[in-house]
Amino acid sequence: MPPSAPLPSPLPLFPLGSVLFPDGYLPLRIFEVRYLDLIGRCHQQGLPFGVVSLTAGAEVRVAGAGAERFATVGTLATIRSLHSPQPGLLEIECVGTQRFEVRSSELQKHGLWTAEVDPVANDIALGLPSDLQHAADALRRLVDTLEQRRIAAQDEDLRLPIAAPYRFDDCGWVANRWAELLPMENTLKQRLMELDSPLMRLELVSDLLARHNIAG
């Protein structure tokens, strides 16, 4: 499938201690100057930024620390909402869209990473085989439970960790949501995100569900 959106050149990067999947929900609290400027520009211009998973270093820069290192495959993040509760602080909600591969990267003098990137093909739309339907059924039950809790709490602003629209009939979407939710090392999440085959990703996720006694 073609990319879902043009890729900015160069693409500003946001290295995080987590992995963002396509269609994934990402809330962030921004207070570092380098990222306040970045997010402000992206929001004003309607542009995405790139989320890459850290392999060395920390999300918040420490004086004297070496430069961050990060995975070479990441995901574009599009800002869905932005709120500034006080000066010097932004609270944003993003959704993952297009995967990309870093061709080259550069650390700017103000501490912001930028990169030249190539798009990674979107997952093909693929229905769930019968032997993996249990993964979608369990995910649907989880979403229903979370929705009921939000209704019981009478809090319309309470955000679920899974962003609508829901696609319980799609291999890649179901696999990605479980990969976000299941407890596992970021290195494994990253490998799952990079897989070209949504069916293989769901098969691996199904094995993990079985290990955690989820979904039968």
N, C-alpha and C. Protein backbone atom coordinates (compact mmCIF):
# COMPACT_ATOMS: atom_id res chain seq x y z
N MET A 1 0.85 -1.19 0.00
CA MET A 1 0.00 0.00 0.00
C MET A 1 0.88 1.24 0.00
N PRO A 2 0.41 2.36 -0.59
CA PRO A 2 1.20 3.59 -0.58
C PRO A 2 1.24 4.21 0.79
N PRO A 3 2.20 5.12 1.04
CA PRO A 3 2.25 5.80 2.33
C PRO A 3 0.97 6.57 2.59
N SER A 4 0.60 6.70 3.87
CA SER A 4 -0.63 7.39 4.21
C SER A 4 -0.47 8.90 4.14
N ALA A 5 0.77 9.41 4.16
CA ALA A 5 0.99 10.85 4.12
C ALA A 5 2.41 11.11 3.63
N PRO A 6 2.64 12.28 3.00
CA PRO A 6 4.00 12.62 2.60
C PRO A 6 4.90 12.71 3.83
N LEU A 7 6.16 12.33 3.67
CA LEU A 7 7.10 12.38 4.78
C LEU A 7 7.88 13.69 4.72
N PRO A 8 7.86 14.49 5.80
CA PRO A 8 8.63 15.73 5.81
C PRO A 8 10.12 15.45 5.64
N SER A 9 10.82 16.38 5.04
CA SER A 9 12.26 16.23 4.84
C SER A 9 12.96 17.55 5.20
N PRO A 10 13.83 17.53 6.23
CA PRO A 10 14.09 16.39 7.12
C PRO A 10 12.94 16.21 8.12
N LEU A 11 12.86 15.00 8.66
CA LEU A 11 11.81 14.68 9.63
C LEU A 11 12.34 14.90 11.04
N PRO A 12 11.69 15.73 11.86
CA PRO A 12 12.10 15.84 13.26
C PRO A 12 11.77 14.57 14.02
N LEU A 13 12.69 14.15 14.87
CA LEU A 13 12.52 12.89 15.60
C LEU A 13 12.29 13.14 17.08
N PHE A 14 11.53 12.25 17.70
CA PHE A 14 11.28 12.28 19.14
C PHE A 14 11.64 10.89 19.67
N PRO A 15 12.87 10.71 20.15
CA PRO A 15 13.24 9.40 20.72
C PRO A 15 12.53 9.17 22.05
N LEU A 16 11.90 8.02 22.18
CA LEU A 16 11.13 7.69 23.38
C LEU A 16 11.54 6.31 23.91
N GLY A 17 11.29 6.10 25.17
CA GLY A 17 11.54 4.80 25.78
C GLY A 17 10.38 3.85 25.59
N SER A 18 9.73 3.91 24.44
CA SER A 18 8.61 3.06 24.10
C SER A 18 8.55 2.92 22.59
N VAL A 19 7.65 2.08 22.11
CA VAL A 19 7.49 1.83 20.68
C VAL A 19 6.10 2.26 20.26
N LEU A 20 6.02 3.09 19.23
CA LEU A 20 4.73 3.52 18.71
C LEU A 20 4.39 2.69 17.47
N PHE A 21 3.18 2.11 17.46
CA PHE A 21 2.70 1.33 16.34
C PHE A 21 1.73 2.18 15.50
N PRO A 22 1.58 1.86 14.22
CA PRO A 22 0.54 2.52 13.44
C PRO A 22 -0.83 2.38 14.10
N ASP A 23 -1.58 3.47 14.15
CA ASP A 23 -2.90 3.56 14.79
C ASP A 23 -2.81 3.51 16.31
N GLY A 24 -1.60 3.55 16.86
CA GLY A 24 -1.44 3.54 18.31
C GLY A 24 -1.72 4.90 18.93
N TYR A 25 -2.17 4.88 20.17
CA TYR A 25 -2.48 6.10 20.93
C TYR A 25 -1.27 6.48 21.76
N LEU A 26 -0.85 7.76 21.68
CA LEU A 26 0.35 8.21 22.37
C LEU A 26 0.09 9.54 23.08
N PRO A 27 -0.08 9.53 24.42
CA PRO A 27 -0.15 10.79 25.17
C PRO A 27 1.25 11.20 25.64
N LEU A 28 1.53 12.48 25.58
CA LEU A 28 2.86 12.97 25.98
C LEU A 28 2.71 14.26 26.78
N ARG A 29 3.59 14.41 27.79
CA ARG A 29 3.75 15.68 28.51
C ARG A 29 5.10 16.25 28.12
N ILE A 30 5.09 17.42 27.53
CA ILE A 30 6.28 18.02 26.96
C ILE A 30 6.72 19.20 27.81
N PHE A 31 8.00 19.18 28.23
CA PHE A 31 8.51 20.31 29.00
C PHE A 31 9.93 20.72 28.60
N GLU A 32 10.64 19.88 27.85
CA GLU A 32 11.96 20.26 27.38
C GLU A 32 11.84 21.29 26.25
N VAL A 33 12.72 22.30 26.29
CA VAL A 33 12.63 23.39 25.32
C VAL A 33 12.70 22.87 23.89
N ARG A 34 13.62 21.92 23.63
CA ARG A 34 13.80 21.43 22.26
C ARG A 34 12.51 20.81 21.72
N TYR A 35 11.73 20.16 22.58
CA TYR A 35 10.51 19.52 22.13
C TYR A 35 9.31 20.46 22.20
N LEU A 36 9.32 21.43 23.10
CA LEU A 36 8.26 22.44 23.10
C LEU A 36 8.22 23.17 21.77
N ASP A 37 9.40 23.57 21.27
CA ASP A 37 9.47 24.25 19.98
C ASP A 37 9.01 23.33 18.86
N LEU A 38 9.49 22.09 18.89
CA LEU A 38 9.13 21.13 17.85
C LEU A 38 7.63 20.90 17.80
N ILE A 39 7.04 20.59 18.95
CA ILE A 39 5.61 20.27 18.98
C ILE A 39 4.79 21.50 18.60
N GLY A 40 5.21 22.68 19.05
CA GLY A 40 4.49 23.90 18.68
C GLY A 40 4.47 24.10 17.17
N ARG A 41 5.61 23.88 16.51
CA ARG A 41 5.67 24.05 15.06
C ARG A 41 4.82 22.99 14.35
N CYS A 42 4.94 21.75 14.79
CA CYS A 42 4.17 20.67 14.15
C CYS A 42 2.67 20.92 14.28
N HIS A 43 2.24 21.38 15.46
CA HIS A 43 0.82 21.63 15.67
C HIS A 43 0.33 22.77 14.80
N GLN A 44 1.09 23.86 14.75
CA GLN A 44 0.69 25.02 13.97
C GLN A 44 0.63 24.71 12.48
N GLN A 45 1.57 23.89 11.99
CA GLN A 45 1.66 23.61 10.57
C GLN A 45 0.95 22.32 10.16
N GLY A 46 0.40 21.60 11.13
CA GLY A 46 -0.30 20.37 10.82
C GLY A 46 0.61 19.27 10.32
N LEU A 47 1.84 19.23 10.83
CA LEU A 47 2.84 18.26 10.37
C LEU A 47 3.07 17.18 11.43
N PRO A 48 3.43 15.98 11.00
CA PRO A 48 3.76 14.92 11.96
C PRO A 48 5.22 15.02 12.40
N PHE A 49 5.56 14.27 13.41
CA PHE A 49 6.96 14.08 13.80
C PHE A 49 7.21 12.59 13.91
N GLY A 50 8.48 12.20 13.97
CA GLY A 50 8.81 10.78 13.99
C GLY A 50 9.14 10.29 15.38
N VAL A 51 8.50 9.21 15.80
CA VAL A 51 8.80 8.58 17.09
C VAL A 51 9.70 7.37 16.83
N VAL A 52 10.84 7.35 17.50
CA VAL A 52 11.77 6.23 17.41
C VAL A 52 12.08 5.74 18.81
N SER A 53 12.28 4.43 18.95
CA SER A 53 12.51 3.83 20.26
C SER A 53 13.98 3.93 20.64
N LEU A 54 14.23 4.42 21.84
CA LEU A 54 15.60 4.56 22.33
C LEU A 54 16.26 3.20 22.53
N THR A 55 17.51 3.10 22.10
CA THR A 55 18.33 1.93 22.41
C THR A 55 19.44 2.28 23.38
N ALA A 56 19.71 3.57 23.56
CA ALA A 56 20.69 4.06 24.55
C ALA A 56 20.34 5.50 24.87
N GLY A 57 20.56 5.90 26.13
CA GLY A 57 20.21 7.25 26.54
C GLY A 57 18.82 7.30 27.16
N ALA A 58 18.40 8.51 27.51
CA ALA A 58 17.12 8.70 28.20
C ALA A 58 16.27 9.72 27.46
N GLU A 59 14.97 9.70 27.75
CA GLU A 59 14.06 10.64 27.09
C GLU A 59 14.40 12.08 27.44
N VAL A 60 14.77 12.32 28.69
CA VAL A 60 15.13 13.66 29.14
C VAL A 60 16.64 13.78 29.17
N ARG A 61 17.16 14.80 28.52
CA ARG A 61 18.61 14.96 28.43
C ARG A 61 19.21 15.28 29.80
N VAL A 62 20.36 14.66 30.06
CA VAL A 62 21.11 14.89 31.29
C VAL A 62 22.44 15.52 30.93
N ALA A 63 22.81 16.55 31.65
CA ALA A 63 24.07 17.25 31.37
C ALA A 63 25.24 16.28 31.41
N GLY A 64 26.08 16.32 30.38
CA GLY A 64 27.25 15.47 30.32
C GLY A 64 27.01 14.10 29.73
N ALA A 65 25.75 13.74 29.50
CA ALA A 65 25.44 12.42 28.94
C ALA A 65 25.73 12.41 27.44
N GLY A 66 26.03 11.25 26.92
CA GLY A 66 26.28 11.12 25.49
C GLY A 66 24.98 11.25 24.70
N ALA A 67 25.13 11.31 23.39
CA ALA A 67 23.96 11.43 22.52
C ALA A 67 23.12 10.16 22.57
N GLU A 68 21.82 10.34 22.40
CA GLU A 68 20.92 9.20 22.38
C GLU A 68 21.19 8.33 21.15
N ARG A 69 20.87 7.06 21.28
CA ARG A 69 20.84 6.16 20.12
C ARG A 69 19.45 5.55 20.06
N PHE A 70 19.01 5.26 18.84
CA PHE A 70 17.63 4.82 18.68
C PHE A 70 17.50 3.87 17.50
N ALA A 71 16.37 3.16 17.46
CA ALA A 71 16.09 2.20 16.39
C ALA A 71 15.98 2.94 15.06
N THR A 72 16.25 2.23 13.99
CA THR A 72 16.23 2.85 12.67
C THR A 72 14.86 2.78 12.00
N VAL A 73 13.90 2.09 12.60
CA VAL A 73 12.54 2.08 12.09
C VAL A 73 11.63 2.70 13.14
N GLY A 74 10.85 3.68 12.72
CA GLY A 74 9.95 4.36 13.64
C GLY A 74 8.59 4.58 13.01
N THR A 75 7.77 5.40 13.66
CA THR A 75 6.40 5.65 13.21
C THR A 75 6.09 7.14 13.30
N LEU A 76 5.46 7.66 12.26
CA LEU A 76 5.01 9.04 12.32
C LEU A 76 3.92 9.20 13.38
N ALA A 77 3.96 10.33 14.08
CA ALA A 77 2.93 10.66 15.07
C ALA A 77 2.23 11.94 14.64
N THR A 78 0.92 11.89 14.57
CA THR A 78 0.11 13.06 14.23
C THR A 78 -0.58 13.56 15.48
N ILE A 79 -0.46 14.85 15.75
CA ILE A 79 -1.04 15.44 16.95
C ILE A 79 -2.55 15.55 16.79
N ARG A 80 -3.28 14.93 17.73
CA ARG A 80 -4.74 14.93 17.68
C ARG A 80 -5.32 16.02 18.58
N SER A 81 -4.65 16.31 19.69
CA SER A 81 -5.09 17.40 20.57
C SER A 81 -3.88 17.94 21.32
N LEU A 82 -3.96 19.20 21.69
CA LEU A 82 -2.87 19.87 22.41
C LEU A 82 -3.46 20.78 23.46
N HIS A 83 -2.87 20.73 24.65
CA HIS A 83 -3.34 21.54 25.78
C HIS A 83 -2.12 22.05 26.53
N SER A 84 -2.16 23.32 26.95
CA SER A 84 -1.06 23.91 27.72
C SER A 84 -1.59 24.33 29.09
N PRO A 85 -1.47 23.45 30.11
CA PRO A 85 -2.03 23.77 31.42
C PRO A 85 -1.27 24.88 32.15
N GLN A 86 0.00 25.09 31.74
CA GLN A 86 0.81 26.15 32.35
C GLN A 86 1.96 26.48 31.41
N PRO A 87 2.59 27.64 31.56
CA PRO A 87 3.71 27.99 30.69
C PRO A 87 4.83 26.95 30.79
N GLY A 88 5.39 26.60 29.66
CA GLY A 88 6.48 25.63 29.64
C GLY A 88 6.05 24.19 29.73
N LEU A 89 4.75 23.92 29.57
CA LEU A 89 4.25 22.55 29.61
C LEU A 89 3.17 22.36 28.56
N LEU A 90 3.33 21.32 27.77
CA LEU A 90 2.30 20.95 26.79
C LEU A 90 1.85 19.52 27.07
N GLU A 91 0.58 19.29 26.99
CA GLU A 91 0.03 17.95 27.06
C GLU A 91 -0.63 17.65 25.72
N ILE A 92 -0.15 16.61 25.05
CA ILE A 92 -0.66 16.31 23.72
C ILE A 92 -1.13 14.86 23.64
N GLU A 93 -2.02 14.61 22.71
CA GLU A 93 -2.44 13.26 22.37
C GLU A 93 -2.16 13.06 20.88
N CYS A 94 -1.47 11.97 20.56
CA CYS A 94 -1.08 11.69 19.18
C CYS A 94 -1.58 10.31 18.78
N VAL A 95 -1.59 10.10 17.47
CA VAL A 95 -1.90 8.78 16.94
C VAL A 95 -0.81 8.42 15.93
N GLY A 96 -0.38 7.15 15.97
CA GLY A 96 0.63 6.69 15.04
C GLY A 96 0.04 6.48 13.65
N THR A 97 0.83 6.79 12.61
CA THR A 97 0.33 6.60 11.25
C THR A 97 1.31 5.74 10.45
N GLN A 98 2.20 6.37 9.70
CA GLN A 98 3.06 5.68 8.75
C GLN A 98 4.38 5.26 9.38
N ARG A 99 4.80 4.01 9.15
CA ARG A 99 6.14 3.60 9.56
C ARG A 99 7.17 4.16 8.58
N PHE A 100 8.38 4.33 9.07
CA PHE A 100 9.46 4.84 8.22
C PHE A 100 10.77 4.20 8.64
N GLU A 101 11.77 4.27 7.74
CA GLU A 101 13.11 3.79 8.05
C GLU A 101 14.08 4.96 7.91
N VAL A 102 14.92 5.13 8.92
CA VAL A 102 15.89 6.23 8.93
C VAL A 102 17.03 5.90 7.96
N ARG A 103 17.23 6.80 6.99
CA ARG A 103 18.33 6.67 6.05
C ARG A 103 19.60 7.34 6.59
N SER A 104 19.42 8.49 7.21
CA SER A 104 20.53 9.21 7.86
C SER A 104 19.92 10.12 8.91
N SER A 105 20.67 10.40 9.98
CA SER A 105 20.17 11.26 11.05
C SER A 105 21.24 12.25 11.47
N GLU A 106 20.80 13.35 12.06
CA GLU A 106 21.73 14.41 12.47
C GLU A 106 21.24 15.04 13.76
N LEU A 107 22.15 15.23 14.69
CA LEU A 107 21.84 15.89 15.95
C LEU A 107 22.09 17.38 15.80
N GLN A 108 21.06 18.18 15.92
CA GLN A 108 21.20 19.62 15.79
C GLN A 108 21.82 20.22 17.05
N LYS A 109 22.33 21.43 16.93
CA LYS A 109 23.05 22.05 18.04
C LYS A 109 22.16 22.29 19.26
N HIS A 110 20.86 22.42 19.06
CA HIS A 110 19.94 22.65 20.18
C HIS A 110 19.40 21.34 20.76
N GLY A 111 19.94 20.20 20.28
CA GLY A 111 19.61 18.92 20.88
C GLY A 111 18.49 18.15 20.21
N LEU A 112 17.97 18.67 19.09
CA LEU A 112 16.89 17.98 18.39
C LEU A 112 17.47 17.13 17.26
N TRP A 113 16.98 15.90 17.18
CA TRP A 113 17.37 15.01 16.09
C TRP A 113 16.47 15.24 14.88
N THR A 114 17.08 15.24 13.70
CA THR A 114 16.32 15.22 12.46
C THR A 114 16.86 14.08 11.59
N ALA A 115 16.06 13.64 10.62
CA ALA A 115 16.49 12.50 9.81
C ALA A 115 15.90 12.58 8.41
N GLU A 116 16.63 11.99 7.48
CA GLU A 116 16.08 11.70 6.16
C GLU A 116 15.56 10.26 6.23
N VAL A 117 14.32 10.07 5.82
CA VAL A 117 13.68 8.77 6.02
C VAL A 117 13.00 8.29 4.74
N ASP A 118 12.79 6.99 4.69
CA ASP A 118 12.03 6.36 3.62
C ASP A 118 10.78 5.71 4.21
N PRO A 119 9.65 5.75 3.51
CA PRO A 119 8.44 5.12 4.04
C PRO A 119 8.55 3.60 4.05
N VAL A 120 7.94 2.98 5.04
CA VAL A 120 7.79 1.53 5.11
C VAL A 120 6.35 1.22 4.75
N ALA A 121 6.15 0.26 3.87
CA ALA A 121 4.81 -0.04 3.38
C ALA A 121 3.85 -0.34 4.52
N ASN A 122 2.63 0.14 4.39
CA ASN A 122 1.58 -0.17 5.36
C ASN A 122 1.24 -1.65 5.32
N ASP A 123 0.74 -2.16 6.42
CA ASP A 123 0.24 -3.54 6.44
C ASP A 123 -0.86 -3.70 5.39
N ILE A 124 -0.87 -4.85 4.73
CA ILE A 124 -2.01 -5.15 3.87
C ILE A 124 -3.21 -5.48 4.74
N ALA A 125 -4.40 -5.12 4.26
CA ALA A 125 -5.62 -5.46 4.99
C ALA A 125 -5.82 -6.97 4.91
N LEU A 126 -5.91 -7.61 6.06
CA LEU A 126 -5.97 -9.07 6.10
C LEU A 126 -6.90 -9.51 7.22
N GLY A 127 -7.91 -10.29 6.87
CA GLY A 127 -8.82 -10.80 7.88
C GLY A 127 -8.16 -11.82 8.78
N LEU A 128 -8.80 -12.09 9.92
CA LEU A 128 -8.24 -13.03 10.88
C LEU A 128 -8.61 -14.46 10.52
N PRO A 129 -7.64 -15.36 10.48
CA PRO A 129 -7.98 -16.78 10.32
C PRO A 129 -8.68 -17.28 11.57
N SER A 130 -9.44 -18.35 11.42
CA SER A 130 -10.27 -18.84 12.52
C SER A 130 -9.45 -19.22 13.75
N ASP A 131 -8.22 -19.72 13.53
CA ASP A 131 -7.42 -20.16 14.68
C ASP A 131 -6.84 -18.99 15.47
N LEU A 132 -6.97 -17.75 14.95
CA LEU A 132 -6.49 -16.57 15.67
C LEU A 132 -7.62 -15.63 16.07
N GLN A 133 -8.86 -16.04 15.82
CA GLN A 133 -10.01 -15.19 16.13
C GLN A 133 -10.09 -14.89 17.63
N HIS A 134 -9.57 -15.81 18.46
CA HIS A 134 -9.63 -15.60 19.91
C HIS A 134 -8.91 -14.33 20.33
N ALA A 135 -7.86 -13.94 19.59
CA ALA A 135 -7.11 -12.73 19.94
C ALA A 135 -7.98 -11.49 19.77
N ALA A 136 -8.76 -11.44 18.69
CA ALA A 136 -9.66 -10.32 18.46
C ALA A 136 -10.81 -10.32 19.47
N ASP A 137 -11.33 -11.50 19.77
CA ASP A 137 -12.44 -11.59 20.73
C ASP A 137 -12.01 -11.09 22.11
N ALA A 138 -10.82 -11.47 22.53
CA ALA A 138 -10.32 -11.03 23.84
C ALA A 138 -10.08 -9.52 23.85
N LEU A 139 -9.59 -8.99 22.74
CA LEU A 139 -9.34 -7.55 22.66
C LEU A 139 -10.66 -6.79 22.71
N ARG A 140 -11.68 -7.30 22.03
CA ARG A 140 -12.99 -6.66 22.07
C ARG A 140 -13.55 -6.66 23.49
N ARG A 141 -13.39 -7.77 24.21
CA ARG A 141 -13.87 -7.83 25.60
C ARG A 141 -13.14 -6.81 26.46
N LEU A 142 -11.84 -6.66 26.23
CA LEU A 142 -11.07 -5.70 27.00
C LEU A 142 -11.55 -4.28 26.74
N VAL A 143 -11.75 -3.93 25.48
CA VAL A 143 -12.23 -2.59 25.14
C VAL A 143 -13.60 -2.35 25.74
N ASP A 144 -14.50 -3.34 25.67
CA ASP A 144 -15.83 -3.20 26.27
C ASP A 144 -15.73 -2.95 27.77
N THR A 145 -14.84 -3.67 28.44
CA THR A 145 -14.66 -3.49 29.88
C THR A 145 -14.17 -2.08 30.21
N LEU A 146 -13.20 -1.60 29.44
CA LEU A 146 -12.67 -0.26 29.67
C LEU A 146 -13.74 0.81 29.40
N GLU A 147 -14.54 0.60 28.37
CA GLU A 147 -15.62 1.54 28.08
C GLU A 147 -16.63 1.58 29.23
N GLN A 148 -16.96 0.42 29.78
CA GLN A 148 -17.90 0.36 30.88
C GLN A 148 -17.36 1.07 32.12
N ARG A 149 -16.05 0.93 32.35
CA ARG A 149 -15.44 1.60 33.49
C ARG A 149 -15.49 3.11 33.32
N ARG A 150 -15.28 3.56 32.07
CA ARG A 150 -15.33 5.00 31.83
C ARG A 150 -16.74 5.53 32.05
N ILE A 151 -17.73 4.78 31.60
CA ILE A 151 -19.12 5.19 31.81
C ILE A 151 -19.45 5.22 33.30
N ALA A 152 -18.98 4.18 34.04
CA ALA A 152 -19.26 4.13 35.48
C ALA A 152 -18.59 5.28 36.21
N ALA A 153 -17.40 5.69 35.72
CA ALA A 153 -16.69 6.81 36.36
C ALA A 153 -17.27 8.16 35.98
N GLN A 154 -18.18 8.16 34.98
CA GLN A 154 -18.80 9.39 34.50
C GLN A 154 -17.75 10.44 34.15
N ASP A 155 -16.71 9.97 33.44
CA ASP A 155 -15.61 10.85 33.05
C ASP A 155 -15.40 10.72 31.55
N GLU A 156 -15.99 11.65 30.79
CA GLU A 156 -15.89 11.60 29.34
C GLU A 156 -14.47 11.91 28.86
N ASP A 157 -13.67 12.55 29.71
CA ASP A 157 -12.31 12.90 29.32
C ASP A 157 -11.32 11.77 29.57
N LEU A 158 -11.78 10.69 30.21
CA LEU A 158 -10.90 9.56 30.47
C LEU A 158 -10.59 8.86 29.15
N ARG A 159 -9.30 8.77 28.81
CA ARG A 159 -8.90 8.22 27.53
C ARG A 159 -8.56 6.74 27.65
N LEU A 160 -9.01 5.97 26.69
CA LEU A 160 -8.66 4.56 26.64
C LEU A 160 -7.28 4.40 26.00
N PRO A 161 -6.56 3.33 26.36
CA PRO A 161 -5.24 3.12 25.77
C PRO A 161 -5.31 2.64 24.32
N ILE A 162 -6.52 2.47 23.79
CA ILE A 162 -6.71 2.04 22.41
C ILE A 162 -7.58 3.08 21.72
N ALA A 163 -7.07 3.61 20.60
CA ALA A 163 -7.79 4.67 19.91
C ALA A 163 -8.76 4.11 18.89
N ALA A 164 -9.97 4.69 18.84
CA ALA A 164 -10.92 4.36 17.79
C ALA A 164 -10.46 5.02 16.49
N PRO A 165 -10.90 4.52 15.33
CA PRO A 165 -11.87 3.44 15.13
C PRO A 165 -11.27 2.06 15.37
N TYR A 166 -12.10 1.16 15.87
CA TYR A 166 -11.66 -0.19 16.16
C TYR A 166 -11.80 -1.06 14.91
N ARG A 167 -10.80 -1.92 14.68
CA ARG A 167 -10.83 -2.81 13.51
C ARG A 167 -10.53 -4.23 13.99
N PHE A 168 -11.49 -4.81 14.66
CA PHE A 168 -11.31 -6.14 15.24
C PHE A 168 -11.24 -7.24 14.18
N ASP A 169 -11.52 -6.89 12.93
CA ASP A 169 -11.48 -7.88 11.86
C ASP A 169 -10.19 -7.82 11.05
N ASP A 170 -9.20 -7.03 11.52
CA ASP A 170 -7.97 -6.84 10.76
C ASP A 170 -6.77 -7.39 11.54
N CYS A 171 -6.02 -8.27 10.89
CA CYS A 171 -4.87 -8.93 11.52
C CYS A 171 -3.87 -7.94 12.12
N GLY A 172 -3.43 -6.99 11.30
CA GLY A 172 -2.40 -6.05 11.74
C GLY A 172 -2.85 -5.18 12.89
N TRP A 173 -4.10 -4.69 12.80
CA TRP A 173 -4.61 -3.80 13.84
C TRP A 173 -4.70 -4.54 15.18
N VAL A 174 -5.25 -5.74 15.17
CA VAL A 174 -5.38 -6.52 16.41
C VAL A 174 -3.99 -6.84 16.98
N ALA A 175 -3.07 -7.25 16.12
CA ALA A 175 -1.72 -7.58 16.58
C ALA A 175 -1.04 -6.36 17.19
N ASN A 176 -1.20 -5.21 16.55
CA ASN A 176 -0.55 -3.99 17.05
C ASN A 176 -1.08 -3.57 18.41
N ARG A 177 -2.40 -3.69 18.59
CA ARG A 177 -2.96 -3.26 19.87
C ARG A 177 -2.49 -4.18 21.01
N TRP A 178 -2.44 -5.48 20.77
CA TRP A 178 -1.94 -6.38 21.81
C TRP A 178 -0.46 -6.15 22.06
N ALA A 179 0.30 -5.87 21.01
CA ALA A 179 1.74 -5.62 21.19
C ALA A 179 1.97 -4.40 22.06
N GLU A 180 1.09 -3.41 21.96
CA GLU A 180 1.20 -2.22 22.81
C GLU A 180 0.86 -2.55 24.26
N LEU A 181 -0.11 -3.43 24.47
CA LEU A 181 -0.65 -3.66 25.81
C LEU A 181 0.11 -4.70 26.61
N LEU A 182 0.64 -5.72 25.94
CA LEU A 182 1.27 -6.82 26.66
C LEU A 182 2.61 -6.39 27.27
N PRO A 183 2.92 -6.91 28.47
CA PRO A 183 4.21 -6.59 29.09
C PRO A 183 5.34 -7.33 28.38
N MET A 184 6.23 -6.58 27.74
CA MET A 184 7.37 -7.18 27.06
C MET A 184 8.45 -6.11 26.88
N GLU A 185 9.66 -6.55 26.64
CA GLU A 185 10.77 -5.63 26.41
C GLU A 185 10.55 -4.83 25.13
N ASN A 186 11.06 -3.60 25.13
CA ASN A 186 10.92 -2.76 23.95
C ASN A 186 11.59 -3.38 22.72
N THR A 187 12.67 -4.15 22.95
CA THR A 187 13.34 -4.77 21.81
C THR A 187 12.40 -5.73 21.09
N LEU A 188 11.56 -6.45 21.84
CA LEU A 188 10.60 -7.35 21.22
C LEU A 188 9.48 -6.57 20.56
N LYS A 189 8.98 -5.53 21.22
CA LYS A 189 7.96 -4.68 20.61
C LYS A 189 8.47 -4.12 19.28
N GLN A 190 9.73 -3.69 19.28
CA GLN A 190 10.30 -3.12 18.07
C GLN A 190 10.35 -4.15 16.95
N ARG A 191 10.75 -5.37 17.27
CA ARG A 191 10.80 -6.41 16.24
C ARG A 191 9.41 -6.71 15.68
N LEU A 192 8.42 -6.72 16.55
CA LEU A 192 7.05 -6.94 16.09
C LEU A 192 6.59 -5.82 15.18
N MET A 193 6.88 -4.58 15.57
CA MET A 193 6.47 -3.43 14.77
C MET A 193 7.11 -3.46 13.38
N GLU A 194 8.35 -3.94 13.30
CA GLU A 194 9.08 -3.93 12.03
C GLU A 194 8.67 -5.05 11.09
N LEU A 195 7.98 -6.07 11.58
CA LEU A 195 7.62 -7.20 10.74
C LEU A 195 6.77 -6.76 9.55
N ASP A 196 7.09 -7.29 8.38
CA ASP A 196 6.32 -6.96 7.18
C ASP A 196 4.98 -7.68 7.16
N SER A 197 4.90 -8.85 7.77
CA SER A 197 3.70 -9.68 7.69
C SER A 197 2.80 -9.46 8.90
N PRO A 198 1.60 -8.89 8.71
CA PRO A 198 0.69 -8.74 9.85
C PRO A 198 0.23 -10.09 10.40
N LEU A 199 0.15 -11.10 9.53
CA LEU A 199 -0.25 -12.42 10.00
C LEU A 199 0.80 -13.02 10.93
N MET A 200 2.07 -12.90 10.55
CA MET A 200 3.14 -13.41 11.41
C MET A 200 3.16 -12.66 12.73
N ARG A 201 2.91 -11.35 12.69
CA ARG A 201 2.89 -10.55 13.91
C ARG A 201 1.79 -11.03 14.84
N LEU A 202 0.62 -11.32 14.27
CA LEU A 202 -0.50 -11.79 15.10
C LEU A 202 -0.24 -13.19 15.64
N GLU A 203 0.41 -14.03 14.86
CA GLU A 203 0.74 -15.38 15.35
C GLU A 203 1.69 -15.30 16.55
N LEU A 204 2.68 -14.41 16.47
CA LEU A 204 3.60 -14.24 17.59
C LEU A 204 2.89 -13.66 18.80
N VAL A 205 2.00 -12.70 18.57
CA VAL A 205 1.23 -12.11 19.67
C VAL A 205 0.34 -13.17 20.30
N SER A 206 -0.24 -14.04 19.48
CA SER A 206 -1.08 -15.10 20.01
C SER A 206 -0.30 -16.01 20.95
N ASP A 207 0.95 -16.30 20.59
CA ASP A 207 1.80 -17.10 21.48
C ASP A 207 2.01 -16.39 22.81
N LEU A 208 2.20 -15.07 22.75
CA LEU A 208 2.40 -14.30 23.98
C LEU A 208 1.13 -14.28 24.82
N LEU A 209 -0.01 -14.18 24.18
CA LEU A 209 -1.28 -14.24 24.91
C LEU A 209 -1.42 -15.57 25.65
N ALA A 210 -1.03 -16.65 24.98
CA ALA A 210 -1.12 -17.95 25.62
C ALA A 210 -0.19 -18.04 26.83
N ARG A 211 1.00 -17.46 26.73
CA ARG A 211 1.93 -17.48 27.86
C ARG A 211 1.38 -16.74 29.06
N HIS A 212 0.60 -15.69 28.78
CA HIS A 212 0.01 -14.87 29.86
C HIS A 212 -1.39 -15.35 30.23
N ASN A 213 -1.80 -16.50 29.70
CA ASN A 213 -3.13 -17.06 29.99
C ASN A 213 -4.23 -16.10 29.64
N ILE A 214 -4.08 -15.44 28.48
CA ILE A 214 -5.08 -14.50 27.97
C ILE A 214 -5.67 -15.09 26.71
N ALA A 215 -6.95 -14.96 26.54
CA ALA A 215 -7.64 -15.33 25.29
C ALA A 215 -7.61 -16.82 25.02
N GLY A 216 -7.50 -17.63 26.05
CA GLY A 216 -7.55 -19.06 25.84
C GLY A 216 -6.36 -19.62 25.12
